Structures are given as structure tokens and as C-alpha cells.
N, C-alpha and C. Protein backbone atom coordinates (compact mmCIF):
# COMPACT_ATOMS: atom_id res chain seq x y z
N MET A 1 -22.09 -36.74 -64.32
CA MET A 1 -22.29 -35.54 -65.11
C MET A 1 -21.57 -34.38 -64.43
N SER A 2 -20.74 -33.67 -65.18
CA SER A 2 -20.00 -32.53 -64.62
C SER A 2 -20.95 -31.34 -64.42
N ILE A 3 -20.50 -30.39 -63.64
CA ILE A 3 -21.29 -29.17 -63.42
C ILE A 3 -21.50 -28.45 -64.75
N TYR A 4 -20.47 -28.43 -65.58
CA TYR A 4 -20.58 -27.79 -66.89
C TYR A 4 -21.67 -28.47 -67.72
N ASP A 5 -21.70 -29.80 -67.74
CA ASP A 5 -22.73 -30.52 -68.48
C ASP A 5 -24.12 -30.23 -67.91
N LYS A 6 -24.21 -30.14 -66.58
CA LYS A 6 -25.50 -29.81 -65.95
C LYS A 6 -25.95 -28.41 -66.37
N LEU A 7 -25.02 -27.47 -66.42
CA LEU A 7 -25.37 -26.11 -66.83
C LEU A 7 -25.80 -26.07 -68.30
N ILE A 8 -25.18 -26.88 -69.14
CA ILE A 8 -25.60 -26.95 -70.55
C ILE A 8 -27.03 -27.46 -70.62
N ALA A 9 -27.35 -28.47 -69.81
CA ALA A 9 -28.72 -28.99 -69.76
C ALA A 9 -29.69 -27.93 -69.23
N ASP A 10 -29.27 -27.18 -68.19
CA ASP A 10 -30.10 -26.09 -67.66
C ASP A 10 -30.35 -25.04 -68.74
N ALA A 11 -29.30 -24.70 -69.48
CA ALA A 11 -29.43 -23.71 -70.55
C ALA A 11 -30.46 -24.19 -71.58
N ALA A 12 -30.37 -25.46 -71.95
CA ALA A 12 -31.32 -26.03 -72.92
C ALA A 12 -32.74 -25.96 -72.39
N SER A 13 -32.92 -26.16 -71.09
CA SER A 13 -34.28 -26.09 -70.53
C SER A 13 -34.84 -24.67 -70.60
N TYR A 14 -33.97 -23.66 -70.71
CA TYR A 14 -34.40 -22.26 -70.89
C TYR A 14 -34.49 -21.88 -72.37
N GLY A 15 -34.27 -22.86 -73.25
CA GLY A 15 -34.33 -22.60 -74.69
C GLY A 15 -33.05 -22.00 -75.25
N LEU A 16 -31.94 -22.19 -74.54
CA LEU A 16 -30.66 -21.63 -74.95
C LEU A 16 -29.77 -22.71 -75.56
N THR A 17 -29.01 -22.34 -76.56
CA THR A 17 -28.03 -23.23 -77.19
C THR A 17 -26.64 -22.77 -76.78
N VAL A 18 -25.79 -23.70 -76.38
CA VAL A 18 -24.42 -23.37 -75.96
C VAL A 18 -23.45 -23.91 -77.00
N VAL A 19 -22.56 -23.04 -77.47
CA VAL A 19 -21.51 -23.45 -78.40
C VAL A 19 -20.17 -22.95 -77.87
N GLU A 20 -19.15 -23.77 -78.04
CA GLU A 20 -17.80 -23.37 -77.67
C GLU A 20 -17.13 -22.81 -78.91
N LYS A 21 -16.48 -21.65 -78.75
CA LYS A 21 -15.88 -20.97 -79.90
C LYS A 21 -14.53 -20.38 -79.51
N HIS A 22 -13.75 -20.08 -80.52
CA HIS A 22 -12.54 -19.28 -80.35
C HIS A 22 -12.97 -17.83 -80.49
N PHE A 23 -12.65 -17.00 -79.50
CA PHE A 23 -13.02 -15.59 -79.52
C PHE A 23 -11.84 -14.74 -79.94
N LYS A 24 -12.13 -13.67 -80.66
CA LYS A 24 -11.11 -12.68 -80.99
C LYS A 24 -10.87 -11.75 -79.80
N SER A 25 -11.90 -11.56 -78.99
CA SER A 25 -11.79 -10.69 -77.82
C SER A 25 -11.33 -11.51 -76.61
N ASN A 26 -11.23 -10.84 -75.48
CA ASN A 26 -10.86 -11.52 -74.23
C ASN A 26 -12.08 -12.06 -73.49
N ALA A 27 -13.25 -11.95 -74.07
CA ALA A 27 -14.47 -12.40 -73.42
C ALA A 27 -14.40 -13.89 -73.11
N ARG A 28 -14.98 -14.27 -71.98
CA ARG A 28 -15.04 -15.68 -71.60
C ARG A 28 -16.34 -16.31 -72.08
N GLY A 29 -17.37 -15.49 -72.20
CA GLY A 29 -18.65 -15.95 -72.68
C GLY A 29 -19.45 -14.78 -73.20
N LEU A 30 -20.32 -15.05 -74.15
CA LEU A 30 -21.19 -14.03 -74.72
C LEU A 30 -22.55 -14.65 -75.00
N ILE A 31 -23.58 -13.84 -74.87
CA ILE A 31 -24.92 -14.31 -75.19
C ILE A 31 -25.53 -13.35 -76.20
N LYS A 32 -26.18 -13.90 -77.21
CA LYS A 32 -26.92 -13.10 -78.18
C LYS A 32 -28.18 -13.89 -78.52
N GLY A 33 -29.30 -13.31 -78.19
CA GLY A 33 -30.56 -14.01 -78.40
C GLY A 33 -30.60 -15.27 -77.56
N SER A 34 -30.79 -16.40 -78.22
CA SER A 34 -30.87 -17.66 -77.49
C SER A 34 -29.60 -18.50 -77.65
N LYS A 35 -28.53 -17.87 -78.09
CA LYS A 35 -27.27 -18.59 -78.29
C LYS A 35 -26.20 -18.05 -77.34
N ILE A 36 -25.55 -18.97 -76.62
CA ILE A 36 -24.44 -18.62 -75.73
C ILE A 36 -23.16 -19.15 -76.33
N GLY A 37 -22.18 -18.29 -76.45
CA GLY A 37 -20.85 -18.70 -76.88
C GLY A 37 -19.92 -18.73 -75.68
N ILE A 38 -19.20 -19.82 -75.53
CA ILE A 38 -18.23 -19.98 -74.44
C ILE A 38 -16.85 -20.14 -75.06
N ARG A 39 -15.89 -19.43 -74.51
CA ARG A 39 -14.51 -19.49 -75.00
C ARG A 39 -14.01 -20.93 -74.93
N LYS A 40 -13.54 -21.43 -76.04
CA LYS A 40 -13.16 -22.84 -76.17
C LYS A 40 -11.88 -23.19 -75.43
N ASP A 41 -10.93 -22.26 -75.34
CA ASP A 41 -9.62 -22.57 -74.80
C ASP A 41 -9.50 -22.30 -73.29
N MET A 42 -10.54 -22.66 -72.53
CA MET A 42 -10.51 -22.52 -71.08
C MET A 42 -10.65 -23.91 -70.45
N LEU A 43 -10.28 -23.99 -69.17
CA LEU A 43 -10.52 -25.21 -68.42
C LEU A 43 -12.02 -25.39 -68.21
N THR A 44 -12.45 -26.62 -67.99
CA THR A 44 -13.87 -26.90 -67.84
C THR A 44 -14.49 -26.12 -66.68
N VAL A 45 -13.78 -25.97 -65.56
CA VAL A 45 -14.33 -25.21 -64.44
C VAL A 45 -14.52 -23.74 -64.82
N GLU A 46 -13.60 -23.20 -65.62
CA GLU A 46 -13.75 -21.81 -66.08
C GLU A 46 -14.92 -21.68 -67.04
N LYS A 47 -15.12 -22.69 -67.89
CA LYS A 47 -16.27 -22.68 -68.80
C LYS A 47 -17.57 -22.71 -68.01
N ALA A 48 -17.59 -23.52 -66.94
CA ALA A 48 -18.80 -23.61 -66.12
C ALA A 48 -19.13 -22.27 -65.48
N CYS A 49 -18.11 -21.59 -64.94
CA CYS A 49 -18.32 -20.28 -64.31
C CYS A 49 -18.83 -19.27 -65.34
N ALA A 50 -18.23 -19.26 -66.52
CA ALA A 50 -18.66 -18.35 -67.58
C ALA A 50 -20.08 -18.66 -68.03
N LEU A 51 -20.39 -19.94 -68.18
CA LEU A 51 -21.73 -20.34 -68.62
C LEU A 51 -22.78 -19.96 -67.58
N ALA A 52 -22.47 -20.13 -66.30
CA ALA A 52 -23.42 -19.74 -65.25
C ALA A 52 -23.74 -18.25 -65.35
N GLU A 53 -22.71 -17.44 -65.61
CA GLU A 53 -22.94 -16.00 -65.74
C GLU A 53 -23.77 -15.68 -66.98
N GLU A 54 -23.50 -16.36 -68.09
CA GLU A 54 -24.27 -16.09 -69.31
C GLU A 54 -25.73 -16.51 -69.15
N ILE A 55 -25.97 -17.61 -68.45
CA ILE A 55 -27.35 -18.00 -68.14
C ILE A 55 -27.97 -16.92 -67.26
N GLY A 56 -27.18 -16.39 -66.33
CA GLY A 56 -27.64 -15.29 -65.48
C GLY A 56 -28.06 -14.08 -66.30
N HIS A 57 -27.31 -13.79 -67.37
CA HIS A 57 -27.71 -12.69 -68.25
C HIS A 57 -29.07 -12.97 -68.88
N ASN A 58 -29.27 -14.19 -69.30
CA ASN A 58 -30.55 -14.56 -69.91
C ASN A 58 -31.70 -14.41 -68.91
N ARG A 59 -31.45 -14.78 -67.66
CA ARG A 59 -32.50 -14.78 -66.65
C ARG A 59 -32.73 -13.40 -66.04
N THR A 60 -31.72 -12.49 -66.08
CA THR A 60 -31.84 -11.24 -65.33
C THR A 60 -31.64 -9.97 -66.15
N SER A 61 -31.18 -10.07 -67.38
CA SER A 61 -30.77 -8.87 -68.13
C SER A 61 -31.49 -8.77 -69.47
N ILE A 62 -31.44 -7.56 -70.03
CA ILE A 62 -31.93 -7.36 -71.39
C ILE A 62 -30.98 -6.44 -72.13
N GLY A 63 -30.83 -6.67 -73.41
CA GLY A 63 -30.04 -5.77 -74.24
C GLY A 63 -28.55 -6.06 -74.23
N ASP A 64 -27.84 -5.21 -74.95
CA ASP A 64 -26.38 -5.30 -75.10
C ASP A 64 -25.72 -4.61 -73.91
N LEU A 65 -24.91 -5.36 -73.15
CA LEU A 65 -24.28 -4.82 -71.95
C LEU A 65 -22.78 -4.57 -72.12
N LEU A 66 -22.29 -4.61 -73.35
CA LEU A 66 -20.85 -4.48 -73.57
C LEU A 66 -20.32 -3.12 -73.15
N ASP A 67 -21.09 -2.04 -73.33
CA ASP A 67 -20.65 -0.70 -72.92
C ASP A 67 -20.95 -0.52 -71.44
N GLN A 68 -19.93 -0.68 -70.60
CA GLN A 68 -20.12 -0.62 -69.16
C GLN A 68 -20.04 0.80 -68.60
N SER A 69 -20.05 1.83 -69.45
CA SER A 69 -20.05 3.20 -68.96
C SER A 69 -21.44 3.60 -68.44
N ASP A 70 -22.47 2.88 -68.83
CA ASP A 70 -23.84 3.15 -68.39
C ASP A 70 -24.10 2.40 -67.08
N VAL A 71 -24.49 3.11 -66.03
CA VAL A 71 -24.70 2.51 -64.71
C VAL A 71 -25.78 1.42 -64.75
N ARG A 72 -26.81 1.58 -65.58
CA ARG A 72 -27.86 0.56 -65.67
C ARG A 72 -27.30 -0.75 -66.23
N LYS A 73 -26.38 -0.65 -67.17
CA LYS A 73 -25.76 -1.85 -67.74
C LYS A 73 -24.83 -2.52 -66.72
N ARG A 74 -24.15 -1.71 -65.92
CA ARG A 74 -23.28 -2.28 -64.88
C ARG A 74 -24.12 -3.02 -63.84
N LYS A 75 -25.29 -2.47 -63.51
CA LYS A 75 -26.18 -3.14 -62.55
C LYS A 75 -26.68 -4.47 -63.11
N GLN A 76 -27.01 -4.50 -64.40
CA GLN A 76 -27.45 -5.75 -65.02
C GLN A 76 -26.31 -6.78 -65.02
N GLU A 77 -25.10 -6.31 -65.28
CA GLU A 77 -23.93 -7.19 -65.25
C GLU A 77 -23.75 -7.77 -63.84
N SER A 78 -23.92 -6.92 -62.84
CA SER A 78 -23.79 -7.35 -61.45
C SER A 78 -24.86 -8.39 -61.09
N ARG A 79 -26.08 -8.19 -61.56
CA ARG A 79 -27.15 -9.16 -61.29
C ARG A 79 -26.85 -10.51 -61.92
N ALA A 80 -26.29 -10.50 -63.12
CA ALA A 80 -25.94 -11.76 -63.79
C ALA A 80 -24.84 -12.48 -63.02
N ARG A 81 -23.86 -11.74 -62.54
CA ARG A 81 -22.79 -12.36 -61.74
C ARG A 81 -23.34 -12.92 -60.44
N GLN A 82 -24.22 -12.16 -59.79
CA GLN A 82 -24.85 -12.63 -58.55
C GLN A 82 -25.59 -13.94 -58.80
N TYR A 83 -26.29 -14.01 -59.92
CA TYR A 83 -27.00 -15.24 -60.29
C TYR A 83 -26.00 -16.39 -60.40
N ALA A 84 -24.86 -16.14 -61.06
CA ALA A 84 -23.85 -17.18 -61.23
C ALA A 84 -23.28 -17.62 -59.89
N TYR A 85 -23.00 -16.67 -58.99
CA TYR A 85 -22.46 -17.03 -57.68
C TYR A 85 -23.45 -17.90 -56.91
N GLU A 86 -24.72 -17.50 -56.92
CA GLU A 86 -25.72 -18.26 -56.18
C GLU A 86 -25.97 -19.62 -56.81
N CYS A 87 -25.81 -19.70 -58.12
CA CYS A 87 -25.97 -20.98 -58.84
C CYS A 87 -24.81 -21.92 -58.53
N MET A 88 -23.60 -21.41 -58.61
CA MET A 88 -22.40 -22.25 -58.49
C MET A 88 -21.95 -22.45 -57.04
N ILE A 89 -22.22 -21.48 -56.18
CA ILE A 89 -21.74 -21.55 -54.80
C ILE A 89 -22.87 -21.16 -53.83
N PRO A 90 -23.92 -21.96 -53.78
CA PRO A 90 -24.95 -21.66 -52.79
C PRO A 90 -24.39 -21.88 -51.38
N LEU A 91 -24.88 -21.13 -50.42
CA LEU A 91 -24.35 -21.22 -49.07
C LEU A 91 -24.41 -22.64 -48.51
N GLY A 92 -25.42 -23.38 -48.88
CA GLY A 92 -25.56 -24.76 -48.41
C GLY A 92 -24.40 -25.65 -48.84
N ARG A 93 -23.81 -25.37 -49.99
CA ARG A 93 -22.66 -26.17 -50.46
C ARG A 93 -21.41 -25.86 -49.63
N ILE A 94 -21.28 -24.64 -49.13
CA ILE A 94 -20.16 -24.32 -48.24
C ILE A 94 -20.32 -25.10 -46.94
N VAL A 95 -21.54 -25.17 -46.42
CA VAL A 95 -21.80 -25.96 -45.22
C VAL A 95 -21.56 -27.44 -45.49
N GLN A 96 -21.98 -27.91 -46.64
CA GLN A 96 -21.75 -29.31 -47.01
C GLN A 96 -20.25 -29.62 -47.04
N ALA A 97 -19.45 -28.71 -47.57
CA ALA A 97 -18.00 -28.90 -47.60
C ALA A 97 -17.44 -28.99 -46.19
N TYR A 98 -17.94 -28.15 -45.30
CA TYR A 98 -17.53 -28.19 -43.89
C TYR A 98 -17.83 -29.56 -43.30
N LYS A 99 -19.03 -30.07 -43.55
CA LYS A 99 -19.42 -31.38 -43.01
C LYS A 99 -18.53 -32.49 -43.56
N MET A 100 -18.05 -32.32 -44.79
CA MET A 100 -17.20 -33.33 -45.41
C MET A 100 -15.72 -33.09 -45.07
N ARG A 101 -15.45 -32.10 -44.21
CA ARG A 101 -14.09 -31.77 -43.78
C ARG A 101 -13.17 -31.39 -44.93
N ILE A 102 -13.70 -30.58 -45.81
CA ILE A 102 -12.91 -30.06 -46.92
C ILE A 102 -12.27 -28.76 -46.44
N PHE A 103 -10.95 -28.72 -46.51
CA PHE A 103 -10.20 -27.57 -46.00
C PHE A 103 -9.43 -26.90 -47.13
N GLY A 104 -9.23 -25.61 -47.01
CA GLY A 104 -8.43 -24.86 -47.97
C GLY A 104 -9.24 -24.42 -49.18
N ARG A 105 -8.84 -23.30 -49.72
CA ARG A 105 -9.56 -22.72 -50.86
C ARG A 105 -9.46 -23.58 -52.11
N TYR A 106 -8.29 -24.14 -52.35
CA TYR A 106 -8.13 -24.99 -53.54
C TYR A 106 -9.09 -26.18 -53.47
N GLU A 107 -9.10 -26.86 -52.32
CA GLU A 107 -9.98 -28.02 -52.16
C GLU A 107 -11.45 -27.62 -52.24
N LEU A 108 -11.79 -26.47 -51.64
CA LEU A 108 -13.17 -26.00 -51.68
C LEU A 108 -13.58 -25.67 -53.12
N ALA A 109 -12.73 -24.97 -53.84
CA ALA A 109 -13.02 -24.64 -55.24
C ALA A 109 -13.20 -25.91 -56.06
N GLU A 110 -12.33 -26.89 -55.84
CA GLU A 110 -12.44 -28.16 -56.56
C GLU A 110 -13.75 -28.87 -56.22
N PHE A 111 -14.12 -28.89 -54.95
CA PHE A 111 -15.36 -29.51 -54.51
C PHE A 111 -16.58 -28.84 -55.15
N LEU A 112 -16.53 -27.51 -55.25
CA LEU A 112 -17.64 -26.75 -55.81
C LEU A 112 -17.65 -26.75 -57.34
N GLY A 113 -16.54 -27.11 -57.95
CA GLY A 113 -16.45 -27.13 -59.41
C GLY A 113 -16.28 -25.74 -60.00
N VAL A 114 -15.56 -24.88 -59.27
CA VAL A 114 -15.32 -23.51 -59.73
C VAL A 114 -13.82 -23.22 -59.65
N SER A 115 -13.41 -22.13 -60.27
CA SER A 115 -12.02 -21.69 -60.16
C SER A 115 -11.85 -20.98 -58.82
N GLU A 116 -10.62 -20.91 -58.34
CA GLU A 116 -10.35 -20.20 -57.09
C GLU A 116 -10.68 -18.71 -57.23
N GLU A 117 -10.44 -18.16 -58.41
CA GLU A 117 -10.76 -16.75 -58.67
C GLU A 117 -12.27 -16.52 -58.55
N PHE A 118 -13.07 -17.41 -59.13
CA PHE A 118 -14.53 -17.29 -59.05
C PHE A 118 -14.99 -17.43 -57.60
N LEU A 119 -14.40 -18.39 -56.87
CA LEU A 119 -14.74 -18.58 -55.46
C LEU A 119 -14.49 -17.30 -54.68
N GLN A 120 -13.32 -16.68 -54.88
CA GLN A 120 -13.00 -15.45 -54.15
C GLN A 120 -13.96 -14.33 -54.53
N SER A 121 -14.30 -14.21 -55.80
CA SER A 121 -15.26 -13.18 -56.23
C SER A 121 -16.62 -13.39 -55.58
N ALA A 122 -17.04 -14.65 -55.48
CA ALA A 122 -18.32 -14.96 -54.84
C ALA A 122 -18.28 -14.60 -53.36
N ILE A 123 -17.19 -14.95 -52.69
CA ILE A 123 -17.07 -14.61 -51.27
C ILE A 123 -17.09 -13.10 -51.08
N ASP A 124 -16.38 -12.38 -51.94
CA ASP A 124 -16.39 -10.91 -51.87
C ASP A 124 -17.80 -10.36 -52.05
N ARG A 125 -18.53 -10.91 -53.01
CA ARG A 125 -19.90 -10.44 -53.25
C ARG A 125 -20.82 -10.78 -52.09
N TYR A 126 -20.69 -12.00 -51.55
CA TYR A 126 -21.50 -12.38 -50.39
C TYR A 126 -21.19 -11.48 -49.20
N THR A 127 -19.92 -11.09 -49.04
CA THR A 127 -19.55 -10.19 -47.95
C THR A 127 -20.21 -8.83 -48.14
N GLU A 128 -20.25 -8.33 -49.37
CA GLU A 128 -20.94 -7.06 -49.66
C GLU A 128 -22.43 -7.18 -49.33
N LYS A 129 -23.00 -8.31 -49.65
CA LYS A 129 -24.44 -8.50 -49.50
C LYS A 129 -24.85 -8.75 -48.04
N PHE A 130 -24.09 -9.61 -47.34
CA PHE A 130 -24.50 -10.05 -46.00
C PHE A 130 -23.68 -9.46 -44.86
N GLY A 131 -22.49 -8.96 -45.15
CA GLY A 131 -21.56 -8.59 -44.09
C GLY A 131 -20.64 -9.78 -43.82
N ILE A 132 -19.94 -9.75 -42.72
CA ILE A 132 -18.95 -10.81 -42.42
C ILE A 132 -19.63 -12.14 -42.09
N TYR A 133 -20.77 -12.10 -41.43
CA TYR A 133 -21.45 -13.33 -41.01
C TYR A 133 -22.78 -13.48 -41.72
N VAL A 134 -23.10 -14.73 -42.06
CA VAL A 134 -24.41 -15.04 -42.62
C VAL A 134 -24.91 -16.34 -42.00
N LYS A 135 -26.14 -16.31 -41.53
CA LYS A 135 -26.75 -17.51 -40.94
C LYS A 135 -27.21 -18.44 -42.05
N TYR A 136 -27.00 -19.73 -41.82
CA TYR A 136 -27.53 -20.74 -42.73
C TYR A 136 -28.26 -21.74 -41.87
N ASN A 137 -29.56 -21.84 -42.07
CA ASN A 137 -30.42 -22.65 -41.21
C ASN A 137 -30.28 -22.15 -39.77
N GLU A 138 -30.76 -22.91 -38.84
CA GLU A 138 -30.66 -22.52 -37.43
C GLU A 138 -29.33 -22.96 -36.83
N ARG A 139 -28.66 -23.89 -37.47
CA ARG A 139 -27.48 -24.51 -36.87
C ARG A 139 -26.15 -23.86 -37.26
N TYR A 140 -26.05 -23.34 -38.46
CA TYR A 140 -24.75 -22.90 -38.97
C TYR A 140 -24.69 -21.40 -39.19
N THR A 141 -23.51 -20.86 -38.95
CA THR A 141 -23.19 -19.49 -39.32
C THR A 141 -21.94 -19.57 -40.18
N ILE A 142 -21.97 -18.90 -41.31
CA ILE A 142 -20.80 -18.86 -42.19
C ILE A 142 -20.13 -17.52 -41.98
N LYS A 143 -18.85 -17.58 -41.60
CA LYS A 143 -18.04 -16.38 -41.50
C LYS A 143 -17.32 -16.26 -42.83
N LEU A 144 -17.51 -15.15 -43.51
CA LEU A 144 -17.01 -15.01 -44.87
C LEU A 144 -15.57 -14.51 -44.95
N CYS A 145 -15.07 -13.87 -43.89
CA CYS A 145 -13.71 -13.34 -43.95
C CYS A 145 -13.06 -13.47 -42.58
N PRO A 146 -12.14 -14.41 -42.38
CA PRO A 146 -11.78 -15.51 -43.28
C PRO A 146 -12.91 -16.54 -43.32
N LEU A 147 -12.94 -17.32 -44.38
CA LEU A 147 -14.03 -18.26 -44.58
C LEU A 147 -13.99 -19.37 -43.54
N GLU A 148 -15.06 -19.46 -42.76
CA GLU A 148 -15.20 -20.48 -41.73
C GLU A 148 -16.67 -20.84 -41.61
N VAL A 149 -16.93 -22.05 -41.13
CA VAL A 149 -18.29 -22.45 -40.81
C VAL A 149 -18.34 -22.71 -39.32
N ILE A 150 -19.30 -22.10 -38.66
CA ILE A 150 -19.46 -22.25 -37.23
C ILE A 150 -20.72 -23.09 -37.01
N ASP A 151 -20.52 -24.23 -36.37
CA ASP A 151 -21.61 -25.15 -36.07
C ASP A 151 -22.08 -24.86 -34.64
N LYS A 152 -23.30 -24.42 -34.49
CA LYS A 152 -23.85 -24.02 -33.20
C LYS A 152 -23.77 -25.14 -32.17
N TYR A 153 -23.87 -26.38 -32.62
CA TYR A 153 -23.90 -27.50 -31.69
C TYR A 153 -22.53 -28.11 -31.44
N ARG A 154 -21.53 -27.73 -32.20
CA ARG A 154 -20.19 -28.29 -31.99
C ARG A 154 -19.24 -27.27 -31.41
N TYR A 155 -19.61 -25.99 -31.45
CA TYR A 155 -18.78 -24.91 -30.94
C TYR A 155 -17.35 -25.00 -31.47
N LYS A 156 -17.23 -25.38 -32.71
CA LYS A 156 -15.92 -25.57 -33.30
C LYS A 156 -15.82 -24.74 -34.55
N TYR A 157 -14.70 -24.07 -34.73
CA TYR A 157 -14.46 -23.25 -35.89
C TYR A 157 -13.58 -24.04 -36.85
N ILE A 158 -13.96 -24.09 -38.08
CA ILE A 158 -13.15 -24.74 -39.10
C ILE A 158 -12.68 -23.66 -40.07
N ASN A 159 -11.39 -23.44 -40.11
CA ASN A 159 -10.84 -22.40 -40.98
C ASN A 159 -10.63 -22.95 -42.38
N ARG A 160 -11.00 -22.19 -43.34
CA ARG A 160 -10.83 -22.58 -44.75
C ARG A 160 -9.60 -21.90 -45.24
């Protein structure tokens, strides 16, 4: 089962219906009520990233957020993106990639099932939230810029 299929199942468990559509706008995904529309002409990884964000809107936001001139709407948009980043790229998966000796952003994005653009946006957001370093469990520290995992017991840096 692909990550996109898993997200569709997750959406259904929240009472949401996902449909792929051709959009007139540049939007990648839209949510209205209990229906999520995903842009049909995207790669599956891009659809998964968009769907994660739309589920995030359902879980964290209320109302129409299209007018981003209102600071409250921008905050809700940010919360939905944060939800998507944590859903698609939890810190534990970065550590798991390190353990599997996955190197490079392209390989990491492929392993995580996200686009490289989404991966970079998530890293940028995690850097805003945590700073350059974030502890994961007692053993690992993730350095976000440049992306590396530091294993306390191996004293070895793996550059991504």
C-alpha cells in the first residue's frame, strides 16, 4: 500500500472523501466540508503531500482560508502544513533512514514518499521550531542544517 493510499484510508477514517479532479486554479488540494479534492495531474508523491495537508486542515482548521491577508488564516494554514510535515516526515523516519544508510536528499525523499520540495519545506519548518539540533530518543540527535543524524554510541556523522 502506497503512502497516498494509506492517507486516503486515514481520510476515510475521519469521515472524509477524497476525489482527484482537474483544477482551474493552481491549487494542489482543496477541502470543503467532508470532501477533499486533489489535483489529478500531479505525481503520486505530490498528491500524498497535498492530501496530508488537506487532512491537516480538517484536523486543525475551520472556515475558508483562501484569503491569506488575515493573520489568523495564515496561522491556520501553517498549522495544517505542520500537521502534514509531522505526518509525512516524523523525526523517527529520518533516524530510520540513517540506520538503513540512505544518503542524499533525493534518496531520503524517495524513502519517505515525499517530493524533495516538501522535504526541504519540512526541514525548514523543523529548523524554525527546534533550532539546528533536535534530540530524538536518548541515542540520536538530528542536525537539521545540513541534515545529519548523530548517533551517540557510534560518534559518527552521516551527511545527507
